[in-house]
Amino acid sequence: MAAPPQLRALLLAVNALLRKRRYHAALAMLKGFRNGVVFREKLRAILQATYIHSRNLACFVFAYKGLCALQSHLQGETYQLHSFLAAFVGGWLVFGDNNNINSQINMYLVSRTLFALCRLGVKKGYIPEPRWDPFPLLTAVVWGLVLWLFEYHKPTLQPSLQSSMTYLYEDSNVWHDISDFLVYNKSRPSK
């Protein structure tokens, strides 16, 4: 069944507009926004990663609790060092393989640990109390650095970050008509 003439005319007009170079920057912004919203293709990988992540956390908690209890039992009381040593061994055993899941978890923990160490440094007096909230500056520096690395030193970024950023910032610059501007990220091969 053919589309009504009004719909065909509208699609032709929209496709002609999408091909005009003068609107490319504004349209690339819109497609980039659209790509940020429709990350659905990755759902299966996300579910599998979530399972592996939760399994690893369960194994780590088991090892950590067991090692803490063993140290406390052997020494007759609990020391702060027990926590570090138990987590060190458990982290090595459970999260020591260099794979995508462990890499993501460890990078997440690095950022949280650095924040906590800065707060501890302020609390203990090693770092002066900030006179203003440094978070907006930190955010600006982090985003500035990551986009600079993506644009000029892409191979230095982790592959999953490269892939996400390519989808958001490069794929949003390319389209041929309304189908790969709005519905699909890339044009579908003709049948």
N, C-alpha and C. Protein backbone atom coordinates (compact mmCIF):
# COMPACT_ATOMS: atom_id res chain seq x y z
N MET A 1 0.85 -1.17 0.00
CA MET A 1 0.00 0.00 0.00
C MET A 1 0.90 1.24 0.00
N ALA A 2 0.64 2.14 -0.91
CA ALA A 2 1.45 3.35 -1.06
C ALA A 2 1.04 4.39 -0.03
N ALA A 3 2.00 5.21 0.35
CA ALA A 3 1.72 6.29 1.30
C ALA A 3 0.91 7.38 0.61
N PRO A 4 0.06 8.08 1.37
CA PRO A 4 -0.71 9.17 0.78
C PRO A 4 0.23 10.25 0.22
N PRO A 5 -0.22 10.98 -0.81
CA PRO A 5 0.65 12.00 -1.43
C PRO A 5 1.15 13.05 -0.44
N GLN A 6 0.32 13.43 0.54
CA GLN A 6 0.76 14.43 1.51
C GLN A 6 1.94 13.92 2.35
N LEU A 7 1.88 12.65 2.75
CA LEU A 7 2.95 12.06 3.54
C LEU A 7 4.22 11.95 2.71
N ARG A 8 4.08 11.52 1.45
CA ARG A 8 5.26 11.43 0.56
C ARG A 8 5.90 12.80 0.39
N ALA A 9 5.07 13.82 0.19
CA ALA A 9 5.59 15.18 0.01
C ALA A 9 6.30 15.66 1.28
N LEU A 10 5.72 15.36 2.44
CA LEU A 10 6.35 15.75 3.70
C LEU A 10 7.70 15.05 3.88
N LEU A 11 7.75 13.74 3.59
CA LEU A 11 9.01 13.01 3.71
C LEU A 11 10.06 13.56 2.75
N LEU A 12 9.66 13.89 1.52
CA LEU A 12 10.60 14.47 0.56
C LEU A 12 11.13 15.81 1.07
N ALA A 13 10.24 16.62 1.63
CA ALA A 13 10.66 17.94 2.15
C ALA A 13 11.60 17.78 3.34
N VAL A 14 11.28 16.86 4.26
CA VAL A 14 12.13 16.64 5.43
C VAL A 14 13.49 16.09 5.00
N ASN A 15 13.50 15.14 4.06
CA ASN A 15 14.76 14.59 3.58
C ASN A 15 15.60 15.64 2.87
N ALA A 16 14.97 16.53 2.12
CA ALA A 16 15.70 17.62 1.46
C ALA A 16 16.31 18.54 2.51
N LEU A 17 15.57 18.84 3.55
CA LEU A 17 16.08 19.69 4.63
C LEU A 17 17.28 19.03 5.33
N LEU A 18 17.18 17.71 5.56
CA LEU A 18 18.25 16.98 6.23
C LEU A 18 19.54 16.97 5.40
N ARG A 19 19.45 17.14 4.10
CA ARG A 19 20.64 17.12 3.24
C ARG A 19 21.29 18.49 3.09
N LYS A 20 20.68 19.55 3.59
CA LYS A 20 21.25 20.89 3.45
C LYS A 20 22.42 21.06 4.42
N ARG A 21 23.57 21.40 3.88
CA ARG A 21 24.78 21.57 4.69
C ARG A 21 24.63 22.70 5.71
N ARG A 22 23.87 23.70 5.38
CA ARG A 22 23.79 24.85 6.28
C ARG A 22 23.11 24.50 7.61
N TYR A 23 22.32 23.45 7.65
CA TYR A 23 21.66 23.04 8.89
C TYR A 23 22.36 21.87 9.58
N HIS A 24 23.49 21.44 9.02
CA HIS A 24 24.14 20.21 9.49
C HIS A 24 24.51 20.27 10.97
N ALA A 25 25.10 21.36 11.44
CA ALA A 25 25.53 21.45 12.85
C ALA A 25 24.34 21.33 13.80
N ALA A 26 23.26 22.05 13.51
CA ALA A 26 22.07 21.98 14.38
C ALA A 26 21.44 20.59 14.33
N LEU A 27 21.38 20.00 13.14
CA LEU A 27 20.79 18.67 13.02
C LEU A 27 21.68 17.62 13.67
N ALA A 28 23.01 17.79 13.61
CA ALA A 28 23.92 16.86 14.28
C ALA A 28 23.70 16.91 15.79
N MET A 29 23.40 18.09 16.33
CA MET A 29 23.08 18.20 17.76
C MET A 29 21.83 17.40 18.08
N LEU A 30 20.80 17.51 17.23
CA LEU A 30 19.56 16.77 17.46
C LEU A 30 19.77 15.26 17.37
N LYS A 31 20.55 14.82 16.36
CA LYS A 31 20.78 13.39 16.23
C LYS A 31 21.63 12.89 17.39
N GLY A 32 22.59 13.68 17.85
CA GLY A 32 23.38 13.30 19.02
C GLY A 32 22.51 13.12 20.24
N PHE A 33 21.55 14.01 20.42
CA PHE A 33 20.60 13.90 21.52
C PHE A 33 19.80 12.60 21.38
N ARG A 34 19.32 12.34 20.16
CA ARG A 34 18.55 11.12 19.89
C ARG A 34 19.38 9.88 20.19
N ASN A 35 20.68 9.88 19.79
CA ASN A 35 21.54 8.73 20.05
C ASN A 35 21.76 8.52 21.54
N GLY A 36 21.77 9.60 22.30
CA GLY A 36 21.91 9.48 23.75
C GLY A 36 20.71 8.84 24.40
N VAL A 37 19.56 8.96 23.77
CA VAL A 37 18.32 8.46 24.34
C VAL A 37 18.05 7.00 23.97
N VAL A 38 18.53 6.55 22.82
CA VAL A 38 18.14 5.21 22.33
C VAL A 38 19.28 4.21 22.35
N PHE A 39 19.80 3.94 23.53
CA PHE A 39 20.89 2.98 23.67
C PHE A 39 20.36 1.55 23.78
N ARG A 40 19.22 1.23 23.19
CA ARG A 40 18.55 -0.05 23.42
C ARG A 40 19.30 -1.27 22.87
N GLU A 41 20.13 -1.08 21.83
CA GLU A 41 20.83 -2.23 21.25
C GLU A 41 21.74 -2.91 22.26
N LYS A 42 22.13 -2.20 23.28
CA LYS A 42 23.10 -2.72 24.24
C LYS A 42 22.44 -3.42 25.43
N LEU A 43 21.13 -3.58 25.40
CA LEU A 43 20.41 -4.13 26.56
C LEU A 43 20.91 -5.52 26.95
N ARG A 44 21.10 -6.42 25.99
CA ARG A 44 21.54 -7.78 26.32
C ARG A 44 22.92 -7.76 26.98
N ALA A 45 23.83 -6.99 26.42
CA ALA A 45 25.17 -6.88 27.00
C ALA A 45 25.11 -6.31 28.40
N ILE A 46 24.22 -5.36 28.62
CA ILE A 46 24.07 -4.74 29.94
C ILE A 46 23.56 -5.78 30.95
N LEU A 47 22.59 -6.59 30.53
CA LEU A 47 22.06 -7.62 31.43
C LEU A 47 23.13 -8.66 31.78
N GLN A 48 23.92 -9.08 30.79
CA GLN A 48 24.99 -10.04 31.05
C GLN A 48 26.05 -9.43 31.97
N ALA A 49 26.41 -8.18 31.70
CA ALA A 49 27.40 -7.51 32.54
C ALA A 49 26.89 -7.36 33.97
N THR A 50 25.59 -7.08 34.12
CA THR A 50 25.00 -6.94 35.45
C THR A 50 25.09 -8.26 36.21
N TYR A 51 24.84 -9.37 35.53
CA TYR A 51 24.95 -10.68 36.17
C TYR A 51 26.39 -10.94 36.63
N ILE A 52 27.35 -10.72 35.75
CA ILE A 52 28.76 -10.96 36.09
C ILE A 52 29.18 -10.04 37.24
N HIS A 53 28.76 -8.79 37.18
CA HIS A 53 29.07 -7.83 38.22
C HIS A 53 28.52 -8.30 39.57
N SER A 54 27.27 -8.71 39.60
CA SER A 54 26.67 -9.14 40.87
C SER A 54 27.31 -10.43 41.39
N ARG A 55 27.65 -11.34 40.49
CA ARG A 55 28.33 -12.58 40.89
C ARG A 55 29.70 -12.26 41.50
N ASN A 56 30.45 -11.38 40.83
CA ASN A 56 31.77 -11.00 41.35
C ASN A 56 31.65 -10.31 42.70
N LEU A 57 30.66 -9.44 42.86
CA LEU A 57 30.47 -8.77 44.16
C LEU A 57 30.15 -9.79 45.25
N ALA A 58 29.31 -10.76 44.91
CA ALA A 58 28.97 -11.79 45.90
C ALA A 58 30.21 -12.57 46.33
N CYS A 59 31.02 -12.97 45.36
CA CYS A 59 32.26 -13.70 45.67
C CYS A 59 33.22 -12.84 46.49
N PHE A 60 33.32 -11.56 46.13
CA PHE A 60 34.22 -10.67 46.86
C PHE A 60 33.76 -10.51 48.31
N VAL A 61 32.47 -10.27 48.52
CA VAL A 61 31.95 -10.09 49.89
C VAL A 61 32.21 -11.34 50.71
N PHE A 62 31.99 -12.50 50.12
CA PHE A 62 32.25 -13.76 50.81
C PHE A 62 33.72 -13.86 51.23
N ALA A 63 34.63 -13.59 50.28
CA ALA A 63 36.07 -13.66 50.57
C ALA A 63 36.47 -12.61 51.60
N TYR A 64 35.98 -11.39 51.43
CA TYR A 64 36.34 -10.29 52.34
C TYR A 64 35.89 -10.60 53.77
N LYS A 65 34.62 -10.96 53.93
CA LYS A 65 34.10 -11.25 55.28
C LYS A 65 34.85 -12.42 55.92
N GLY A 66 35.11 -13.45 55.12
CA GLY A 66 35.83 -14.62 55.64
C GLY A 66 37.25 -14.27 56.07
N LEU A 67 37.95 -13.48 55.24
CA LEU A 67 39.32 -13.10 55.58
C LEU A 67 39.37 -12.16 56.78
N CYS A 68 38.41 -11.26 56.89
CA CYS A 68 38.35 -10.38 58.07
C CYS A 68 38.13 -11.21 59.33
N ALA A 69 37.19 -12.15 59.27
CA ALA A 69 36.89 -13.00 60.43
C ALA A 69 38.10 -13.85 60.80
N LEU A 70 38.79 -14.40 59.81
CA LEU A 70 39.96 -15.23 60.06
C LEU A 70 41.07 -14.42 60.75
N GLN A 71 41.34 -13.23 60.27
CA GLN A 71 42.38 -12.39 60.88
C GLN A 71 42.02 -12.03 62.32
N SER A 72 40.76 -11.65 62.51
CA SER A 72 40.31 -11.28 63.85
C SER A 72 40.42 -12.47 64.81
N HIS A 73 40.04 -13.64 64.31
CA HIS A 73 40.12 -14.86 65.13
C HIS A 73 41.58 -15.18 65.48
N LEU A 74 42.48 -15.07 64.50
CA LEU A 74 43.89 -15.40 64.73
C LEU A 74 44.59 -14.42 65.65
N GLN A 75 44.19 -13.13 65.60
CA GLN A 75 44.86 -12.12 66.42
C GLN A 75 44.09 -11.75 67.68
N GLY A 76 42.90 -12.31 67.84
CA GLY A 76 42.14 -12.09 69.06
C GLY A 76 41.36 -10.79 69.09
N GLU A 77 41.58 -9.90 68.16
CA GLU A 77 40.80 -8.66 68.06
C GLU A 77 40.91 -8.13 66.63
N THR A 78 40.14 -7.07 66.35
CA THR A 78 40.07 -6.52 64.99
C THR A 78 40.92 -5.26 64.89
N TYR A 79 41.70 -5.16 63.83
CA TYR A 79 42.53 -3.99 63.54
C TYR A 79 42.12 -3.40 62.19
N GLN A 80 42.37 -2.10 62.00
CA GLN A 80 42.04 -1.45 60.72
C GLN A 80 42.74 -2.13 59.54
N LEU A 81 43.94 -2.59 59.76
CA LEU A 81 44.71 -3.24 58.69
C LEU A 81 44.01 -4.49 58.17
N HIS A 82 43.23 -5.17 59.02
CA HIS A 82 42.51 -6.38 58.59
C HIS A 82 41.62 -6.08 57.38
N SER A 83 40.92 -4.96 57.45
CA SER A 83 40.02 -4.60 56.36
C SER A 83 40.79 -4.43 55.05
N PHE A 84 41.90 -3.69 55.13
CA PHE A 84 42.70 -3.47 53.93
C PHE A 84 43.24 -4.79 53.37
N LEU A 85 43.81 -5.62 54.24
CA LEU A 85 44.41 -6.88 53.77
C LEU A 85 43.36 -7.83 53.18
N ALA A 86 42.21 -7.93 53.83
CA ALA A 86 41.15 -8.80 53.33
C ALA A 86 40.66 -8.31 51.97
N ALA A 87 40.47 -7.01 51.83
CA ALA A 87 40.01 -6.46 50.56
C ALA A 87 41.09 -6.57 49.49
N PHE A 88 42.36 -6.41 49.88
CA PHE A 88 43.47 -6.55 48.95
C PHE A 88 43.48 -7.95 48.34
N VAL A 89 43.41 -8.96 49.20
CA VAL A 89 43.43 -10.35 48.72
C VAL A 89 42.16 -10.66 47.91
N GLY A 90 41.01 -10.28 48.45
CA GLY A 90 39.75 -10.52 47.74
C GLY A 90 39.71 -9.80 46.40
N GLY A 91 40.18 -8.55 46.37
CA GLY A 91 40.21 -7.80 45.12
C GLY A 91 41.11 -8.45 44.09
N TRP A 92 42.26 -8.91 44.55
CA TRP A 92 43.20 -9.58 43.66
C TRP A 92 42.57 -10.84 43.06
N LEU A 93 41.93 -11.64 43.93
CA LEU A 93 41.35 -12.91 43.47
C LEU A 93 40.11 -12.73 42.59
N VAL A 94 39.23 -11.83 42.98
CA VAL A 94 37.93 -11.70 42.29
C VAL A 94 37.97 -10.68 41.16
N PHE A 95 38.59 -9.54 41.37
CA PHE A 95 38.56 -8.47 40.39
C PHE A 95 39.89 -8.25 39.69
N GLY A 96 40.84 -9.19 39.86
CA GLY A 96 42.18 -9.03 39.31
C GLY A 96 42.31 -9.32 37.82
N ASP A 97 41.36 -10.06 37.24
CA ASP A 97 41.43 -10.32 35.80
C ASP A 97 41.12 -9.02 35.05
N ASN A 98 41.95 -8.70 34.07
CA ASN A 98 41.76 -7.46 33.29
C ASN A 98 40.74 -7.71 32.19
N ASN A 99 39.46 -7.56 32.55
CA ASN A 99 38.39 -7.69 31.57
C ASN A 99 37.48 -6.46 31.66
N ASN A 100 36.53 -6.36 30.76
CA ASN A 100 35.68 -5.16 30.68
C ASN A 100 34.91 -4.89 31.97
N ILE A 101 34.34 -5.92 32.56
CA ILE A 101 33.53 -5.74 33.77
C ILE A 101 34.40 -5.26 34.93
N ASN A 102 35.49 -5.96 35.18
CA ASN A 102 36.38 -5.58 36.28
C ASN A 102 36.99 -4.20 36.04
N SER A 103 37.30 -3.90 34.80
CA SER A 103 37.84 -2.58 34.48
C SER A 103 36.85 -1.48 34.85
N GLN A 104 35.58 -1.67 34.49
CA GLN A 104 34.54 -0.69 34.81
C GLN A 104 34.41 -0.53 36.32
N ILE A 105 34.36 -1.64 37.04
CA ILE A 105 34.20 -1.59 38.49
C ILE A 105 35.40 -0.88 39.13
N ASN A 106 36.60 -1.24 38.70
CA ASN A 106 37.80 -0.63 39.28
C ASN A 106 37.88 0.85 38.97
N MET A 107 37.51 1.26 37.75
CA MET A 107 37.53 2.69 37.43
C MET A 107 36.51 3.45 38.29
N TYR A 108 35.35 2.86 38.49
CA TYR A 108 34.34 3.46 39.36
C TYR A 108 34.90 3.64 40.76
N LEU A 109 35.56 2.59 41.28
CA LEU A 109 36.11 2.65 42.63
C LEU A 109 37.26 3.64 42.74
N VAL A 110 38.07 3.78 41.69
CA VAL A 110 39.17 4.75 41.73
C VAL A 110 38.61 6.15 41.96
N SER A 111 37.58 6.52 41.20
CA SER A 111 37.03 7.87 41.36
C SER A 111 36.42 8.06 42.75
N ARG A 112 35.69 7.08 43.24
CA ARG A 112 35.09 7.19 44.57
C ARG A 112 36.15 7.22 45.67
N THR A 113 37.21 6.43 45.49
CA THR A 113 38.28 6.39 46.47
C THR A 113 39.03 7.71 46.52
N LEU A 114 39.31 8.30 45.35
CA LEU A 114 39.99 9.60 45.32
C LEU A 114 39.16 10.67 46.02
N PHE A 115 37.84 10.67 45.78
CA PHE A 115 36.96 11.62 46.47
C PHE A 115 37.05 11.41 47.98
N ALA A 116 36.96 10.15 48.40
CA ALA A 116 36.98 9.86 49.84
C ALA A 116 38.33 10.24 50.47
N LEU A 117 39.42 9.96 49.76
CA LEU A 117 40.74 10.33 50.30
C LEU A 117 40.90 11.84 50.42
N CYS A 118 40.35 12.58 49.47
CA CYS A 118 40.38 14.05 49.58
C CYS A 118 39.58 14.52 50.80
N ARG A 119 38.41 13.94 51.00
CA ARG A 119 37.60 14.30 52.17
C ARG A 119 38.31 13.94 53.47
N LEU A 120 38.97 12.78 53.49
CA LEU A 120 39.72 12.36 54.66
C LEU A 120 40.88 13.32 54.90
N GLY A 121 41.55 13.73 53.83
CA GLY A 121 42.64 14.69 53.95
C GLY A 121 42.19 16.01 54.54
N VAL A 122 40.99 16.47 54.15
CA VAL A 122 40.44 17.70 54.73
C VAL A 122 40.10 17.48 56.20
N LYS A 123 39.47 16.35 56.50
CA LYS A 123 39.07 16.04 57.88
C LYS A 123 40.27 15.96 58.81
N LYS A 124 41.37 15.38 58.32
CA LYS A 124 42.57 15.23 59.14
C LYS A 124 43.45 16.48 59.12
N GLY A 125 43.11 17.46 58.29
CA GLY A 125 43.87 18.70 58.24
C GLY A 125 45.06 18.69 57.28
N TYR A 126 45.19 17.64 56.47
CA TYR A 126 46.29 17.57 55.50
C TYR A 126 46.01 18.45 54.29
N ILE A 127 44.74 18.64 53.99
CA ILE A 127 44.30 19.47 52.86
C ILE A 127 43.43 20.57 53.44
N PRO A 128 43.64 21.83 53.03
CA PRO A 128 42.78 22.90 53.57
C PRO A 128 41.33 22.75 53.10
N GLU A 129 40.42 23.16 53.95
CA GLU A 129 38.98 23.15 53.61
C GLU A 129 38.75 24.09 52.43
N PRO A 130 38.11 23.61 51.35
CA PRO A 130 37.86 24.50 50.20
C PRO A 130 36.94 25.65 50.60
N ARG A 131 37.19 26.83 50.03
CA ARG A 131 36.36 28.00 50.32
C ARG A 131 35.09 28.00 49.48
N TRP A 132 35.06 27.19 48.43
CA TRP A 132 33.92 27.07 47.54
C TRP A 132 33.82 25.62 47.08
N ASP A 133 32.70 25.25 46.54
CA ASP A 133 32.47 23.88 46.10
C ASP A 133 33.31 23.59 44.85
N PRO A 134 34.29 22.69 44.95
CA PRO A 134 35.15 22.41 43.79
C PRO A 134 34.51 21.49 42.74
N PHE A 135 33.33 20.95 43.04
CA PHE A 135 32.72 19.97 42.13
C PHE A 135 32.48 20.52 40.72
N PRO A 136 31.93 21.73 40.54
CA PRO A 136 31.74 22.21 39.17
C PRO A 136 33.06 22.31 38.38
N LEU A 137 34.12 22.72 39.03
CA LEU A 137 35.42 22.79 38.36
C LEU A 137 35.92 21.39 38.01
N LEU A 138 35.80 20.45 38.95
CA LEU A 138 36.19 19.07 38.68
C LEU A 138 35.42 18.52 37.48
N THR A 139 34.12 18.75 37.47
CA THR A 139 33.28 18.28 36.38
C THR A 139 33.74 18.86 35.05
N ALA A 140 33.99 20.16 35.02
CA ALA A 140 34.42 20.80 33.79
C ALA A 140 35.76 20.24 33.31
N VAL A 141 36.70 20.02 34.21
CA VAL A 141 38.01 19.48 33.84
C VAL A 141 37.87 18.05 33.31
N VAL A 142 37.09 17.22 34.01
CA VAL A 142 36.90 15.83 33.59
C VAL A 142 36.29 15.76 32.20
N TRP A 143 35.20 16.52 31.96
CA TRP A 143 34.55 16.49 30.64
C TRP A 143 35.44 17.11 29.57
N GLY A 144 36.16 18.17 29.92
CA GLY A 144 37.09 18.74 28.96
C GLY A 144 38.16 17.75 28.55
N LEU A 145 38.73 17.05 29.53
CA LEU A 145 39.78 16.08 29.24
C LEU A 145 39.26 14.88 28.44
N VAL A 146 38.12 14.35 28.82
CA VAL A 146 37.64 13.15 28.13
C VAL A 146 37.28 13.44 26.67
N LEU A 147 36.69 14.62 26.40
CA LEU A 147 36.37 14.93 25.00
C LEU A 147 37.62 15.29 24.21
N TRP A 148 38.60 15.92 24.85
CA TRP A 148 39.88 16.18 24.17
C TRP A 148 40.56 14.85 23.84
N LEU A 149 40.59 13.92 24.80
CA LEU A 149 41.18 12.61 24.54
C LEU A 149 40.43 11.90 23.42
N PHE A 150 39.09 11.97 23.43
CA PHE A 150 38.29 11.31 22.40
C PHE A 150 38.59 11.89 21.02
N GLU A 151 38.64 13.20 20.93
CA GLU A 151 38.84 13.85 19.63
C GLU A 151 40.26 13.68 19.09
N TYR A 152 41.27 13.65 19.97
CA TYR A 152 42.66 13.70 19.50
C TYR A 152 43.53 12.52 19.91
N HIS A 153 43.09 11.72 20.88
CA HIS A 153 43.88 10.58 21.34
C HIS A 153 42.96 9.41 21.67
N LYS A 154 42.06 9.10 20.78
CA LYS A 154 41.01 8.10 21.02
C LYS A 154 41.54 6.75 21.48
N PRO A 155 42.63 6.21 20.93
CA PRO A 155 43.08 4.88 21.36
C PRO A 155 43.47 4.79 22.84
N THR A 156 43.68 5.92 23.50
CA THR A 156 44.03 5.89 24.92
C THR A 156 42.82 5.60 25.80
N LEU A 157 41.63 5.80 25.28
CA LEU A 157 40.41 5.57 26.07
C LEU A 157 40.04 4.09 26.06
N GLN A 158 39.38 3.66 27.11
CA GLN A 158 38.89 2.30 27.20
C GLN A 158 37.94 2.02 26.03
N PRO A 159 37.97 0.82 25.42
CA PRO A 159 37.14 0.52 24.25
C PRO A 159 35.64 0.80 24.43
N SER A 160 35.07 0.46 25.58
CA SER A 160 33.63 0.71 25.74
C SER A 160 33.33 2.21 25.77
N LEU A 161 34.23 3.00 26.36
CA LEU A 161 34.05 4.45 26.35
C LEU A 161 34.21 4.99 24.94
N GLN A 162 35.19 4.49 24.20
CA GLN A 162 35.36 4.89 22.80
C GLN A 162 34.09 4.61 22.01
N SER A 163 33.54 3.41 22.19
CA SER A 163 32.34 3.01 21.45
C SER A 163 31.16 3.92 21.78
N SER A 164 30.95 4.17 23.06
CA SER A 164 29.84 5.05 23.46
C SER A 164 30.02 6.46 22.91
N MET A 165 31.24 6.96 22.98
CA MET A 165 31.48 8.33 22.52
C MET A 165 31.40 8.42 21.00
N THR A 166 31.83 7.38 20.29
CA THR A 166 31.68 7.36 18.83
C THR A 166 30.20 7.42 18.47
N TYR A 167 29.40 6.63 19.14
CA TYR A 167 27.95 6.61 18.91
C TYR A 167 27.34 7.98 19.14
N LEU A 168 27.73 8.61 20.25
CA LEU A 168 27.13 9.90 20.61
C LEU A 168 27.66 11.08 19.79
N TYR A 169 28.98 11.13 19.55
CA TYR A 169 29.58 12.33 18.99
C TYR A 169 29.97 12.23 17.52
N GLU A 170 30.23 11.02 17.01
CA GLU A 170 30.57 10.90 15.60
C GLU A 170 29.40 10.43 14.76
N ASP A 171 28.71 9.38 15.23
CA ASP A 171 27.58 8.87 14.46
C ASP A 171 26.49 9.93 14.30
N SER A 172 26.42 10.87 15.24
CA SER A 172 25.38 11.90 15.15
C SER A 172 25.69 12.93 14.06
N ASN A 173 26.85 12.84 13.43
CA ASN A 173 27.19 13.75 12.33
C ASN A 173 26.79 13.20 10.97
N VAL A 174 26.30 11.95 10.91
CA VAL A 174 26.04 11.30 9.62
C VAL A 174 24.59 10.84 9.53
N TRP A 175 23.94 11.20 8.43
CA TRP A 175 22.61 10.71 8.09
C TRP A 175 22.38 10.93 6.61
N HIS A 176 21.40 10.21 6.08
CA HIS A 176 21.07 10.31 4.66
C HIS A 176 19.63 10.76 4.43
N ASP A 177 18.77 10.35 5.33
CA ASP A 177 17.37 10.74 5.25
C ASP A 177 16.76 10.59 6.64
N ILE A 178 15.44 10.72 6.71
CA ILE A 178 14.78 10.71 8.02
C ILE A 178 14.92 9.36 8.73
N SER A 179 15.06 8.27 7.97
CA SER A 179 15.15 6.96 8.63
C SER A 179 16.40 6.84 9.48
N ASP A 180 17.56 7.28 8.96
CA ASP A 180 18.77 7.17 9.77
C ASP A 180 19.09 8.45 10.52
N PHE A 181 18.21 9.42 10.43
CA PHE A 181 18.32 10.60 11.28
C PHE A 181 17.55 10.39 12.57
N LEU A 182 16.37 9.83 12.46
CA LEU A 182 15.46 9.75 13.60
C LEU A 182 15.23 8.32 14.10
N VAL A 183 15.09 7.36 13.19
CA VAL A 183 14.70 6.01 13.59
C VAL A 183 15.90 5.12 13.88
N TYR A 184 16.82 5.03 12.93
CA TYR A 184 18.02 4.19 13.07
C TYR A 184 19.25 5.07 13.21
N ASN A 185 20.29 4.52 13.80
CA ASN A 185 21.53 5.28 13.89
C ASN A 185 22.24 5.35 12.55
N LYS A 186 22.23 4.23 11.82
CA LYS A 186 22.88 4.18 10.51
C LYS A 186 21.87 3.66 9.51
N SER A 187 22.08 4.00 8.23
CA SER A 187 21.11 3.60 7.21
C SER A 187 21.09 2.09 7.07
N ARG A 188 19.91 1.57 6.82
CA ARG A 188 19.72 0.13 6.62
C ARG A 188 20.08 -0.23 5.19
N PRO A 189 20.74 -1.38 4.97
CA PRO A 189 21.03 -1.79 3.59
C PRO A 189 19.74 -2.07 2.84
N SER A 190 19.73 -1.71 1.55
CA SER A 190 18.54 -1.95 0.72
C SER A 190 18.39 -3.43 0.45
N LYS A 191 17.12 -3.85 0.39
CA LYS A 191 16.85 -5.28 0.13
C LYS A 191 16.69 -5.53 -1.34
